[in-house]
Amino acid sequence: MIIVAGWVRMAPEDIERLRSAAIAMMHATQTSEPGCLDYAFSVDLAEPGLLRVIERWQDEAALAAHFATPHMAAFNAAMAGAAITGASIKAYAGDEVRTIMAL
């Protein structure tokens, strides 16, 4: 399993402008990419200009295919207008999973 986690910092108004594109990206990724196990963006509660990214992929091939999708191209085009002031997104390989909380 590949876990992608990180953040992108931009003005809160840029996050609002990108909201519909981000929702479309999440929906398209979750519903049309077979190797996608989880894919989400969220706005940090303490810092409204911080967009959090969390993804889980079946394998490297699924992640590589994700970067070649039309919805990724559309999302990258939408992001091009944002004034990004910082970013850190990393991929981790990991198959060991333990439950910390569940209901």
N, C-alpha and C. Protein backbone atom coordinates (compact mmCIF):
# COMPACT_ATOMS: atom_id res chain seq x y z
N MET A 1 0.85 -1.18 0.00
CA MET A 1 0.00 0.00 0.00
C MET A 1 0.90 1.24 0.00
N ILE A 2 0.47 2.25 -0.71
CA ILE A 2 1.16 3.54 -0.77
C ILE A 2 0.27 4.56 -0.05
N ILE A 3 0.84 5.29 0.90
CA ILE A 3 0.13 6.34 1.61
C ILE A 3 0.75 7.67 1.19
N VAL A 4 -0.09 8.58 0.75
CA VAL A 4 0.35 9.93 0.38
C VAL A 4 -0.26 10.87 1.41
N ALA A 5 0.59 11.68 2.03
CA ALA A 5 0.11 12.62 3.05
C ALA A 5 0.90 13.91 2.96
N GLY A 6 0.21 15.00 3.22
CA GLY A 6 0.91 16.27 3.21
C GLY A 6 -0.01 17.46 3.27
N TRP A 7 0.51 18.59 2.85
CA TRP A 7 -0.23 19.85 2.95
C TRP A 7 0.21 20.80 1.85
N VAL A 8 -0.68 21.75 1.56
CA VAL A 8 -0.40 22.85 0.63
C VAL A 8 -0.91 24.12 1.31
N ARG A 9 -0.06 25.13 1.40
CA ARG A 9 -0.44 26.39 2.05
C ARG A 9 -0.73 27.44 0.97
N MET A 10 -1.87 28.10 1.10
CA MET A 10 -2.27 29.17 0.18
C MET A 10 -3.25 30.08 0.91
N ALA A 11 -3.63 31.16 0.28
CA ALA A 11 -4.60 32.06 0.89
C ALA A 11 -5.94 31.35 1.05
N PRO A 12 -6.65 31.60 2.16
CA PRO A 12 -7.95 30.98 2.36
C PRO A 12 -8.92 31.23 1.19
N GLU A 13 -8.82 32.39 0.57
CA GLU A 13 -9.72 32.67 -0.57
C GLU A 13 -9.39 31.79 -1.78
N ASP A 14 -8.12 31.40 -1.93
CA ASP A 14 -7.76 30.47 -2.99
C ASP A 14 -8.35 29.09 -2.72
N ILE A 15 -8.33 28.67 -1.45
CA ILE A 15 -8.95 27.38 -1.11
C ILE A 15 -10.44 27.43 -1.44
N GLU A 16 -11.10 28.51 -1.10
CA GLU A 16 -12.53 28.63 -1.42
C GLU A 16 -12.76 28.60 -2.93
N ARG A 17 -11.90 29.28 -3.68
CA ARG A 17 -12.03 29.29 -5.14
C ARG A 17 -11.84 27.89 -5.72
N LEU A 18 -11.00 27.09 -5.08
CA LEU A 18 -10.70 25.74 -5.56
C LEU A 18 -11.66 24.67 -5.03
N ARG A 19 -12.57 25.05 -4.15
CA ARG A 19 -13.43 24.07 -3.47
C ARG A 19 -14.15 23.15 -4.45
N SER A 20 -14.82 23.70 -5.45
CA SER A 20 -15.57 22.84 -6.38
C SER A 20 -14.65 21.95 -7.20
N ALA A 21 -13.49 22.47 -7.60
CA ALA A 21 -12.52 21.65 -8.34
C ALA A 21 -11.97 20.53 -7.46
N ALA A 22 -11.74 20.81 -6.18
CA ALA A 22 -11.23 19.80 -5.25
C ALA A 22 -12.28 18.71 -5.01
N ILE A 23 -13.53 19.11 -4.86
CA ILE A 23 -14.61 18.14 -4.67
C ILE A 23 -14.75 17.26 -5.91
N ALA A 24 -14.68 17.87 -7.08
CA ALA A 24 -14.76 17.09 -8.33
C ALA A 24 -13.59 16.13 -8.43
N MET A 25 -12.40 16.57 -8.04
CA MET A 25 -11.22 15.72 -8.07
C MET A 25 -11.37 14.53 -7.13
N MET A 26 -11.83 14.79 -5.90
CA MET A 26 -12.03 13.70 -4.95
C MET A 26 -13.04 12.70 -5.47
N HIS A 27 -14.16 13.19 -5.97
CA HIS A 27 -15.21 12.31 -6.46
C HIS A 27 -14.73 11.46 -7.64
N ALA A 28 -14.11 12.09 -8.62
CA ALA A 28 -13.63 11.36 -9.80
C ALA A 28 -12.59 10.32 -9.41
N THR A 29 -11.69 10.68 -8.51
CA THR A 29 -10.64 9.75 -8.09
C THR A 29 -11.24 8.57 -7.34
N GLN A 30 -12.13 8.84 -6.40
CA GLN A 30 -12.71 7.79 -5.58
C GLN A 30 -13.61 6.85 -6.38
N THR A 31 -14.27 7.36 -7.40
CA THR A 31 -15.25 6.53 -8.12
C THR A 31 -14.72 5.91 -9.41
N SER A 32 -13.61 6.41 -9.95
CA SER A 32 -13.18 5.90 -11.25
C SER A 32 -11.79 5.27 -11.27
N GLU A 33 -11.11 5.28 -10.13
CA GLU A 33 -9.76 4.72 -10.11
C GLU A 33 -9.73 3.47 -9.22
N PRO A 34 -9.63 2.30 -9.84
CA PRO A 34 -9.73 1.05 -9.08
C PRO A 34 -8.68 0.86 -7.99
N GLY A 35 -7.50 1.43 -8.13
CA GLY A 35 -6.45 1.27 -7.11
C GLY A 35 -6.52 2.27 -5.98
N CYS A 36 -7.52 3.15 -6.01
CA CYS A 36 -7.66 4.16 -4.96
C CYS A 36 -8.40 3.56 -3.77
N LEU A 37 -7.76 3.58 -2.60
CA LEU A 37 -8.39 3.09 -1.37
C LEU A 37 -8.98 4.22 -0.55
N ASP A 38 -8.40 5.41 -0.67
CA ASP A 38 -8.89 6.59 0.05
C ASP A 38 -8.28 7.82 -0.59
N TYR A 39 -9.07 8.90 -0.69
CA TYR A 39 -8.57 10.11 -1.32
C TYR A 39 -9.36 11.29 -0.78
N ALA A 40 -8.69 12.20 -0.07
CA ALA A 40 -9.42 13.32 0.53
C ALA A 40 -8.54 14.54 0.69
N PHE A 41 -9.18 15.69 0.56
CA PHE A 41 -8.61 16.98 0.90
C PHE A 41 -9.41 17.52 2.08
N SER A 42 -8.77 18.28 2.95
CA SER A 42 -9.50 18.96 4.02
C SER A 42 -8.78 20.24 4.37
N VAL A 43 -9.53 21.19 4.91
CA VAL A 43 -8.96 22.45 5.35
C VAL A 43 -8.66 22.32 6.83
N ASP A 44 -7.46 22.70 7.24
CA ASP A 44 -7.05 22.62 8.63
C ASP A 44 -7.95 23.52 9.48
N LEU A 45 -8.44 22.99 10.60
CA LEU A 45 -9.35 23.76 11.47
C LEU A 45 -8.67 24.96 12.11
N ALA A 46 -7.39 24.86 12.40
CA ALA A 46 -6.68 25.96 13.06
C ALA A 46 -6.05 26.94 12.08
N GLU A 47 -5.90 26.51 10.83
CA GLU A 47 -5.25 27.35 9.83
C GLU A 47 -6.01 27.25 8.51
N PRO A 48 -6.96 28.15 8.26
CA PRO A 48 -7.84 28.03 7.09
C PRO A 48 -7.13 28.13 5.74
N GLY A 49 -5.87 28.51 5.71
CA GLY A 49 -5.12 28.55 4.47
C GLY A 49 -4.27 27.31 4.24
N LEU A 50 -4.52 26.27 5.02
CA LEU A 50 -3.75 25.03 4.92
C LEU A 50 -4.65 23.90 4.44
N LEU A 51 -4.36 23.41 3.26
CA LEU A 51 -5.11 22.31 2.67
C LEU A 51 -4.37 21.02 2.98
N ARG A 52 -5.02 20.10 3.66
CA ARG A 52 -4.43 18.81 4.00
C ARG A 52 -4.77 17.79 2.92
N VAL A 53 -3.83 16.90 2.63
CA VAL A 53 -3.99 15.87 1.60
C VAL A 53 -3.74 14.51 2.25
N ILE A 54 -4.65 13.55 2.03
CA ILE A 54 -4.44 12.19 2.49
C ILE A 54 -4.97 11.23 1.42
N GLU A 55 -4.12 10.30 1.04
CA GLU A 55 -4.48 9.33 0.00
C GLU A 55 -3.94 7.96 0.40
N ARG A 56 -4.63 6.91 -0.01
CA ARG A 56 -4.12 5.54 0.11
C ARG A 56 -4.33 4.85 -1.22
N TRP A 57 -3.27 4.21 -1.70
CA TRP A 57 -3.30 3.55 -3.01
C TRP A 57 -2.91 2.09 -2.85
N GLN A 58 -3.49 1.26 -3.68
CA GLN A 58 -3.19 -0.17 -3.65
C GLN A 58 -1.72 -0.44 -3.91
N ASP A 59 -1.14 0.29 -4.88
CA ASP A 59 0.27 0.08 -5.22
C ASP A 59 0.78 1.26 -6.04
N GLU A 60 2.06 1.21 -6.37
CA GLU A 60 2.70 2.29 -7.14
C GLU A 60 2.07 2.46 -8.52
N ALA A 61 1.65 1.36 -9.13
CA ALA A 61 1.04 1.44 -10.47
C ALA A 61 -0.26 2.25 -10.41
N ALA A 62 -1.05 2.05 -9.37
CA ALA A 62 -2.30 2.80 -9.22
C ALA A 62 -2.02 4.29 -9.03
N LEU A 63 -1.01 4.61 -8.23
CA LEU A 63 -0.66 6.01 -8.02
C LEU A 63 -0.14 6.64 -9.31
N ALA A 64 0.68 5.93 -10.05
CA ALA A 64 1.20 6.44 -11.32
C ALA A 64 0.07 6.68 -12.31
N ALA A 65 -0.89 5.76 -12.36
CA ALA A 65 -2.04 5.93 -13.27
C ALA A 65 -2.87 7.15 -12.88
N HIS A 66 -2.96 7.42 -11.59
CA HIS A 66 -3.70 8.59 -11.08
C HIS A 66 -3.16 9.89 -11.67
N PHE A 67 -1.84 9.99 -11.75
CA PHE A 67 -1.23 11.23 -12.26
C PHE A 67 -1.51 11.46 -13.74
N ALA A 68 -1.94 10.43 -14.46
CA ALA A 68 -2.20 10.54 -15.90
C ALA A 68 -3.69 10.71 -16.23
N THR A 69 -4.54 10.88 -15.24
CA THR A 69 -5.98 10.97 -15.49
C THR A 69 -6.39 12.36 -15.96
N PRO A 70 -7.48 12.44 -16.72
CA PRO A 70 -7.98 13.75 -17.14
C PRO A 70 -8.41 14.62 -15.95
N HIS A 71 -8.95 14.02 -14.89
CA HIS A 71 -9.36 14.84 -13.74
C HIS A 71 -8.15 15.40 -13.00
N MET A 72 -7.02 14.72 -13.04
CA MET A 72 -5.80 15.29 -12.46
C MET A 72 -5.34 16.49 -13.27
N ALA A 73 -5.41 16.38 -14.57
CA ALA A 73 -5.02 17.51 -15.44
C ALA A 73 -5.94 18.70 -15.19
N ALA A 74 -7.23 18.45 -15.06
CA ALA A 74 -8.20 19.53 -14.80
C ALA A 74 -7.92 20.18 -13.44
N PHE A 75 -7.63 19.37 -12.44
CA PHE A 75 -7.35 19.92 -11.11
C PHE A 75 -6.05 20.73 -11.11
N ASN A 76 -5.03 20.22 -11.78
CA ASN A 76 -3.78 20.97 -11.88
C ASN A 76 -3.98 22.31 -12.57
N ALA A 77 -4.83 22.34 -13.58
CA ALA A 77 -5.14 23.60 -14.27
C ALA A 77 -5.82 24.57 -13.31
N ALA A 78 -6.73 24.07 -12.49
CA ALA A 78 -7.41 24.93 -11.51
C ALA A 78 -6.42 25.44 -10.46
N MET A 79 -5.49 24.60 -10.05
CA MET A 79 -4.49 24.98 -9.04
C MET A 79 -3.50 26.01 -9.57
N ALA A 80 -3.33 26.08 -10.88
CA ALA A 80 -2.33 26.97 -11.47
C ALA A 80 -2.53 28.43 -11.07
N GLY A 81 -3.74 28.84 -10.80
CA GLY A 81 -4.00 30.23 -10.44
C GLY A 81 -3.83 30.52 -8.96
N ALA A 82 -3.59 29.52 -8.14
CA ALA A 82 -3.47 29.72 -6.70
C ALA A 82 -2.08 30.24 -6.34
N ALA A 83 -2.03 31.12 -5.36
CA ALA A 83 -0.76 31.63 -4.86
C ALA A 83 -0.29 30.70 -3.75
N ILE A 84 0.39 29.63 -4.11
CA ILE A 84 0.86 28.64 -3.15
C ILE A 84 2.13 29.18 -2.50
N THR A 85 2.13 29.21 -1.15
CA THR A 85 3.28 29.74 -0.42
C THR A 85 4.12 28.65 0.25
N GLY A 86 3.66 27.42 0.17
CA GLY A 86 4.41 26.31 0.73
C GLY A 86 3.68 25.01 0.45
N ALA A 87 4.43 23.93 0.41
CA ALA A 87 3.81 22.62 0.19
C ALA A 87 4.78 21.52 0.60
N SER A 88 4.21 20.44 1.08
CA SER A 88 4.98 19.24 1.37
C SER A 88 4.03 18.05 1.27
N ILE A 89 4.22 17.25 0.25
CA ILE A 89 3.40 16.05 0.06
C ILE A 89 4.36 14.90 -0.20
N LYS A 90 4.24 13.84 0.59
CA LYS A 90 5.17 12.72 0.51
C LYS A 90 4.41 11.40 0.38
N ALA A 91 5.06 10.44 -0.27
CA ALA A 91 4.50 9.10 -0.42
C ALA A 91 5.28 8.14 0.48
N TYR A 92 4.55 7.28 1.15
CA TYR A 92 5.13 6.30 2.06
C TYR A 92 4.66 4.91 1.65
N ALA A 93 5.54 3.95 1.71
CA ALA A 93 5.17 2.55 1.47
C ALA A 93 4.89 1.92 2.83
N GLY A 94 3.77 1.23 2.93
CA GLY A 94 3.47 0.59 4.21
C GLY A 94 2.30 -0.37 4.11
N ASP A 95 2.52 -1.56 4.58
CA ASP A 95 1.45 -2.55 4.57
C ASP A 95 1.01 -2.95 5.97
N GLU A 96 1.73 -2.50 6.97
CA GLU A 96 1.34 -2.81 8.35
C GLU A 96 0.29 -1.81 8.79
N VAL A 97 -0.87 -2.30 9.20
CA VAL A 97 -1.97 -1.43 9.61
C VAL A 97 -2.48 -1.90 10.96
N ARG A 98 -2.69 -0.97 11.87
CA ARG A 98 -3.33 -1.31 13.14
C ARG A 98 -4.40 -0.27 13.45
N THR A 99 -5.48 -0.69 14.00
CA THR A 99 -6.59 0.20 14.32
C THR A 99 -6.29 0.94 15.61
N ILE A 100 -6.41 2.25 15.56
CA ILE A 100 -6.22 3.08 16.75
C ILE A 100 -7.56 3.46 17.37
N MET A 101 -8.55 3.66 16.49
CA MET A 101 -9.90 4.01 16.97
C MET A 101 -10.90 3.48 15.97
N ALA A 102 -11.97 2.92 16.46
CA ALA A 102 -13.04 2.45 15.57
C ALA A 102 -14.33 2.41 16.37
N LEU A 103 -15.43 2.63 15.70
CA LEU A 103 -16.74 2.55 16.35
C LEU A 103 -17.55 1.47 15.70
